[in-house]
Protein backbone atom coordinates (compact mmCIF):
# COMPACT_ATOMS: atom_id res chain seq x y z
CA MET A 1 22.58 57.01 2.46
CA ALA A 2 22.90 58.15 -1.19
CA THR A 3 22.59 55.53 -3.93
CA THR A 4 25.79 55.10 -5.93
CA GLN A 5 25.48 55.32 -9.71
CA GLU A 6 28.28 54.34 -12.07
CA LEU A 7 29.32 56.20 -15.20
CA ASN A 8 27.82 54.25 -18.09
CA PRO A 9 29.70 53.23 -21.28
CA ALA A 10 27.72 55.67 -23.45
CA ALA A 11 28.88 58.60 -21.31
CA ILE A 12 32.49 57.43 -21.59
CA ARG A 13 32.20 57.11 -25.39
CA ALA A 14 30.80 60.65 -25.59
CA LEU A 15 33.77 61.90 -23.60
CA THR A 16 36.21 59.98 -25.81
CA ARG A 17 34.90 61.62 -29.00
CA GLN A 18 35.73 65.07 -27.62
CA VAL A 19 39.32 64.35 -26.57
CA SER A 20 41.77 65.14 -29.36
CA PRO A 21 45.60 64.87 -29.39
CA ALA A 22 45.54 67.42 -32.22
CA GLU A 23 44.34 70.17 -29.91
CA ALA A 24 46.87 72.63 -28.51
CA GLU A 25 45.52 72.08 -25.02
CA ALA A 26 47.19 69.22 -23.12
CA LEU A 27 45.19 65.99 -22.95
CA HIS A 28 44.83 66.04 -19.16
CA GLU A 29 43.51 69.62 -19.36
CA GLN A 30 41.00 68.65 -22.05
CA ILE A 31 39.77 65.71 -19.99
CA SER A 32 39.48 67.68 -16.74
CA GLN A 33 37.64 70.50 -18.51
CA LEU A 34 35.17 68.11 -20.18
CA MET A 35 34.54 66.39 -16.86
CA ARG A 36 34.12 69.74 -15.11
CA GLN A 37 31.48 70.81 -17.63
CA ARG A 38 29.48 67.64 -17.03
CA ILE A 39 29.69 67.97 -13.25
CA GLU A 40 28.81 71.65 -13.13
CA SER A 41 25.89 71.20 -15.55
CA GLY A 42 24.49 68.38 -13.42
CA GLU A 43 24.85 65.81 -16.21
CA TRP A 44 27.12 63.88 -13.88
CA PRO A 45 25.22 63.91 -10.58
CA GLU A 46 26.64 63.94 -7.09
CA HIS A 47 27.87 60.51 -5.90
CA LEU A 48 28.36 59.26 -9.50
CA LYS A 49 31.21 56.74 -9.50
CA LEU A 50 33.88 57.02 -12.19
CA PRO A 51 35.58 53.96 -13.69
CA ALA A 52 38.95 52.96 -12.27
CA GLU A 53 41.92 54.86 -13.72
CA PRO A 54 43.17 51.96 -15.94
CA GLU A 55 39.69 51.43 -17.39
CA LEU A 56 39.14 55.14 -18.00
CA ALA A 57 42.59 55.55 -19.56
CA ALA A 58 41.97 52.64 -21.94
CA ALA A 59 38.55 54.00 -22.94
CA LEU A 60 39.98 57.47 -23.63
CA ASN A 61 43.07 56.05 -25.35
CA VAL A 62 45.42 58.02 -23.11
CA SER A 63 47.97 57.08 -20.47
CA ARG A 64 46.98 56.36 -16.90
CA GLY A 65 49.16 59.29 -15.81
CA THR A 66 47.10 61.63 -18.00
CA VAL A 67 43.87 60.44 -16.39
CA ARG A 68 45.41 60.73 -12.93
CA ARG A 69 46.41 64.38 -13.57
CA ALA A 70 42.92 65.22 -14.85
CA ILE A 71 41.29 63.63 -11.81
CA ARG A 72 43.71 65.33 -9.42
CA THR A 73 42.81 68.73 -10.93
CA LEU A 74 39.13 68.12 -10.18
CA ILE A 75 39.81 66.81 -6.68
CA GLU A 76 41.74 69.99 -5.92
CA ALA A 77 38.83 72.02 -7.31
CA GLY A 78 36.47 70.20 -4.94
CA LEU A 79 34.49 68.50 -7.72
CA LEU A 80 35.68 64.91 -7.28
CA LYS A 81 36.41 62.84 -4.20
CA GLN A 82 38.54 59.70 -3.87
CA THR A 83 37.71 57.19 -1.16
CA ARG A 84 40.33 54.55 -0.41
CA GLY A 85 39.14 51.11 -1.44
CA LYS A 86 35.96 52.45 -3.03
CA GLY A 87 36.94 54.66 -5.95
CA THR A 88 36.46 58.14 -7.38
CA PHE A 89 33.12 59.91 -7.03
CA VAL A 90 31.53 63.16 -8.16
CA ARG A 91 31.34 65.57 -5.28
CA GLY A 92 29.33 68.11 -7.24
CA GLN A 93 28.93 71.69 -6.12
CA MET A 94 28.67 70.83 -2.44
CA LEU A 95 31.54 70.15 -0.05
CA GLU A 96 30.50 67.76 2.69
CA GLN A 97 32.02 68.70 6.03
CA GLU A 98 31.80 66.86 9.34
CA PHE A 99 32.93 69.49 11.86
CA ALA A 100 29.50 69.37 13.51
CA GLN A 101 30.33 65.84 14.59
CA GLU A 102 33.83 65.92 16.03
CA LEU A 103 36.54 68.25 17.23
CA ILE A 104 38.26 69.15 13.99
CA SER A 105 38.80 72.53 12.38
CA THR A 106 37.56 73.59 8.96
CA ALA A 107 41.13 73.16 7.68
CA GLN A 108 41.40 69.65 9.09
CA SER A 109 38.03 68.74 7.60
CA LEU A 110 39.13 69.92 4.14
CA ASP A 111 42.46 68.10 4.50
CA ARG A 112 40.66 64.88 5.40
CA GLU A 113 38.49 65.14 2.28
CA GLY A 114 41.54 65.75 0.09
CA VAL A 115 40.27 69.16 -1.00
CA GLU A 116 42.86 71.71 -2.12
CA TYR A 117 42.22 75.07 -0.44
CA HIS A 118 43.90 78.41 0.10
CA THR A 119 43.90 80.39 3.34
CA GLN A 120 44.40 84.16 3.28
CA VAL A 121 44.86 86.39 6.32
CA LEU A 122 42.90 89.58 5.62
CA SER A 123 43.69 91.40 8.85
CA ALA A 124 45.23 90.93 12.28
CA ARG A 125 45.21 93.50 15.05
CA VAL A 126 45.06 93.84 18.81
CA VAL A 127 41.70 95.20 19.96
CA GLN A 128 39.63 95.55 23.10
CA ALA A 129 37.23 92.60 23.18
CA PRO A 130 33.53 93.43 22.84
CA SER A 131 31.56 92.55 25.96
CA HIS A 132 30.08 89.27 24.68
CA ILE A 133 33.49 88.00 23.53
CA ALA A 134 35.13 89.08 26.79
CA ALA A 135 32.46 87.15 28.69
CA HIS A 136 32.98 83.99 26.63
CA LEU A 137 36.76 84.21 27.07
CA GLY A 138 36.52 84.97 30.79
CA LEU A 139 38.61 88.14 30.48
CA ARG A 140 39.10 90.51 33.40
CA ALA A 141 37.73 94.03 33.10
CA ASP A 142 41.28 95.44 33.37
CA ASP A 143 42.66 93.20 30.58
CA LEU A 144 40.36 92.98 27.56
CA SER A 145 43.16 92.82 24.99
CA VAL A 146 42.62 90.21 22.26
CA LEU A 147 44.24 89.42 18.93
CA ALA A 148 41.52 89.64 16.27
CA ILE A 149 42.33 87.74 13.08
CA ARG A 150 40.17 87.67 9.95
CA ARG A 151 40.85 84.93 7.37
CA THR A 152 39.23 83.39 4.33
CA ARG A 153 39.44 79.83 3.06
CA SER A 154 38.88 79.37 -0.68
CA VAL A 155 38.23 76.27 -2.76
CA GLY A 156 38.47 76.39 -6.54
CA GLY A 157 39.01 80.16 -6.42
CA GLU A 158 35.83 80.81 -4.39
CA VAL A 159 35.73 81.90 -0.76
CA VAL A 160 33.76 79.26 1.14
CA TYR A 161 34.71 80.22 4.72
CA LEU A 162 35.19 83.57 6.44
CA LEU A 163 36.70 83.23 9.91
CA ASP A 164 37.03 85.86 12.65
CA ASN A 165 39.13 84.48 15.52
CA TYR A 166 39.70 86.20 18.87
CA LEU A 167 42.52 85.08 21.16
CA PRO A 168 43.63 86.59 24.49
CA THR A 169 46.97 88.29 23.83
CA ALA A 170 48.34 86.86 27.09
CA LEU A 171 47.84 83.37 25.66
CA CYS A 172 50.04 83.85 22.60
CA PRO A 173 51.66 87.29 22.77
CA ASP A 174 54.08 86.77 19.86
CA LEU A 175 51.78 84.92 17.46
CA SER A 176 52.49 85.88 13.85
CA PRO A 177 49.19 85.84 11.95
CA GLN A 178 50.99 84.94 8.73
CA VAL A 179 51.71 81.41 10.00
CA LEU A 180 47.95 80.85 9.89
CA GLN A 181 48.06 80.99 6.09
CA GLU A 182 49.90 77.67 6.13
CA ARG A 183 48.84 76.08 9.42
CA SER A 184 45.61 75.56 11.35
CA LEU A 185 44.94 77.68 14.43
CA PHE A 186 44.44 74.62 16.63
CA GLY A 187 47.77 73.23 15.41
CA VAL A 188 49.64 76.47 16.13
CA LEU A 189 48.16 76.76 19.62
CA GLU A 190 49.09 73.18 20.49
CA HIS A 191 52.53 72.89 18.92
CA ASP A 192 53.85 76.44 19.41
CA TYR A 193 52.23 77.40 22.71
CA GLY A 194 51.40 74.12 24.42
CA VAL A 195 47.70 74.99 24.47
CA THR A 196 45.53 71.99 23.60
CA VAL A 197 41.90 72.56 22.68
CA ASP A 198 40.02 69.84 24.54
CA SER A 199 36.44 70.76 23.65
CA VAL A 200 34.43 73.30 21.70
CA ARG A 201 30.90 74.63 21.77
CA ARG A 202 29.56 75.20 18.26
CA THR A 203 26.24 76.88 17.54
CA PHE A 204 24.91 76.96 13.97
CA SER A 205 22.31 79.22 12.41
CA ALA A 206 21.27 80.04 8.83
CA ILE A 207 21.40 83.74 8.02
CA LEU A 208 21.52 86.26 5.21
CA PRO A 209 24.93 87.95 5.57
CA ASP A 210 25.41 91.66 6.09
CA ASP A 211 27.35 93.82 3.61
CA ASP A 212 30.65 93.36 5.44
CA VAL A 213 30.50 89.57 5.25
CA SER A 214 29.15 89.56 1.69
CA THR A 215 32.02 91.76 0.54
CA ALA A 216 34.69 89.68 2.30
CA MET A 217 33.28 86.48 0.77
CA ALA A 218 32.58 88.03 -2.65
CA LEU A 219 28.96 86.86 -2.43
CA ARG A 220 26.12 87.78 -4.75
CA PRO A 221 23.13 89.39 -3.04
CA GLY A 222 20.81 86.83 -1.48
CA VAL A 223 23.34 83.99 -1.23
CA PRO A 224 22.70 82.29 2.14
CA VAL A 225 25.40 81.49 4.66
CA LEU A 226 25.65 79.24 7.65
CA TYR A 227 26.85 81.17 10.68
CA LEU A 228 28.88 79.30 13.28
CA GLU A 229 29.74 80.63 16.72
CA GLN A 230 32.57 78.67 18.32
CA ILE A 231 34.09 78.81 21.80
CA SER A 232 37.15 76.62 22.39
CA TYR A 233 38.16 75.27 25.80
CA GLN A 234 41.15 73.61 27.44
CA ALA A 235 40.78 70.48 29.58
CA ASN A 236 40.60 72.63 32.73
CA GLY A 237 37.50 74.37 31.37
CA GLY A 238 39.22 77.66 30.58
CA SER A 239 38.25 79.21 27.24
CA VAL A 240 41.10 79.97 24.84
CA GLU A 241 39.45 81.19 21.64
CA TYR A 242 36.24 82.67 20.30
CA SER A 243 35.29 82.50 16.62
CA ASP A 244 32.65 83.82 14.27
CA VAL A 245 32.63 81.69 11.12
CA TRP A 246 30.52 82.18 8.01
CA VAL A 247 30.12 79.24 5.63
CA ARG A 248 28.73 79.42 2.10
CA GLY A 249 25.40 77.62 2.19
CA ASP A 250 25.46 76.93 -1.56
CA ARG A 251 28.90 75.27 -1.43
CA VAL A 252 29.10 73.48 1.91
CA ARG A 253 26.86 70.90 3.51
CA ILE A 254 27.37 69.99 7.17
CA SER A 255 26.85 66.30 7.92
CA SER A 256 27.18 64.04 10.94
CA TRP A 257 26.87 60.35 11.78
CA ILE A 258 24.72 59.72 14.83
CA LYS A 259 24.64 56.29 16.43
CA ARG A 260 22.20 55.21 19.09
C-alpha cells in the first residue's frame, strides 16, 4: 500500500505567494491552475494528502468556497481524489480503476471515484456479426444481426476509453444509441429491457494499437493501450453482449484487492 505524504507548510507558503486578488483570473481558477502545474510536473506526487479545506483556505487567505471550487475542478479533471473520512489526495496522471475485481462497468468505476467524464457515441449501426463474435453471443447462422456501437469516454478532455459493443438486435430492437451518452450500457439493459448482467468474462492484454484505434483515441504513435475483451452473461448462462475495449495505458491503472 502506498505511503501517504502530507503537503508541507513550505509548499503551501509557495502557493500562497502566487495567488493574487489583483489578477483578472478568478481566485479559484488561479488556485486550481497552480495546483495542476504542481501535479502534472510531479512536484506534488501521487497520494500526496492536501490540508483540509478550512486550513488551506486560511493559509491562502481565501474563502472556503473558493478552495472547494478549485479542488472540485481538479477532481473533475481526474487529478485529485476525495475519500470520505480521509481527505483529499493527489491522483496524479493515473486513474485507478477496479473493474478487474468486480462486476462494474467503466462508467460505474469512474462514477465511484468521483471522476468527471464525457461519453460520446461515434457510430451505431446494425451489422452481421463476425464469426468470433457470433460464437461468443451464441447466434444462429440464420440470424447474425447485431447492433454495433462505438463510443469513447474522455477525462479532462482526453480519450481514455474506446468501447466497441455488440448486442443481438433481438435483445433490444429499439435501443437508441444516443441514450448511451448519458447512461451506462448495463443500466440501460437492466432498466429498459429487463436484462440483468449476472457475470462477465474479462480478458486483458497489453498491445500497441492499430491506426484505427489510435485515430479514434487521438493517441500519439507508440502510446500503449490495455485491450479488454468482455463477454457479458445473464444468470441463465446466455450471453447478451460482447465488447472490445481499449484503455490508455499511460492514464489508467487497473487494480484489485485479493484476499486469501
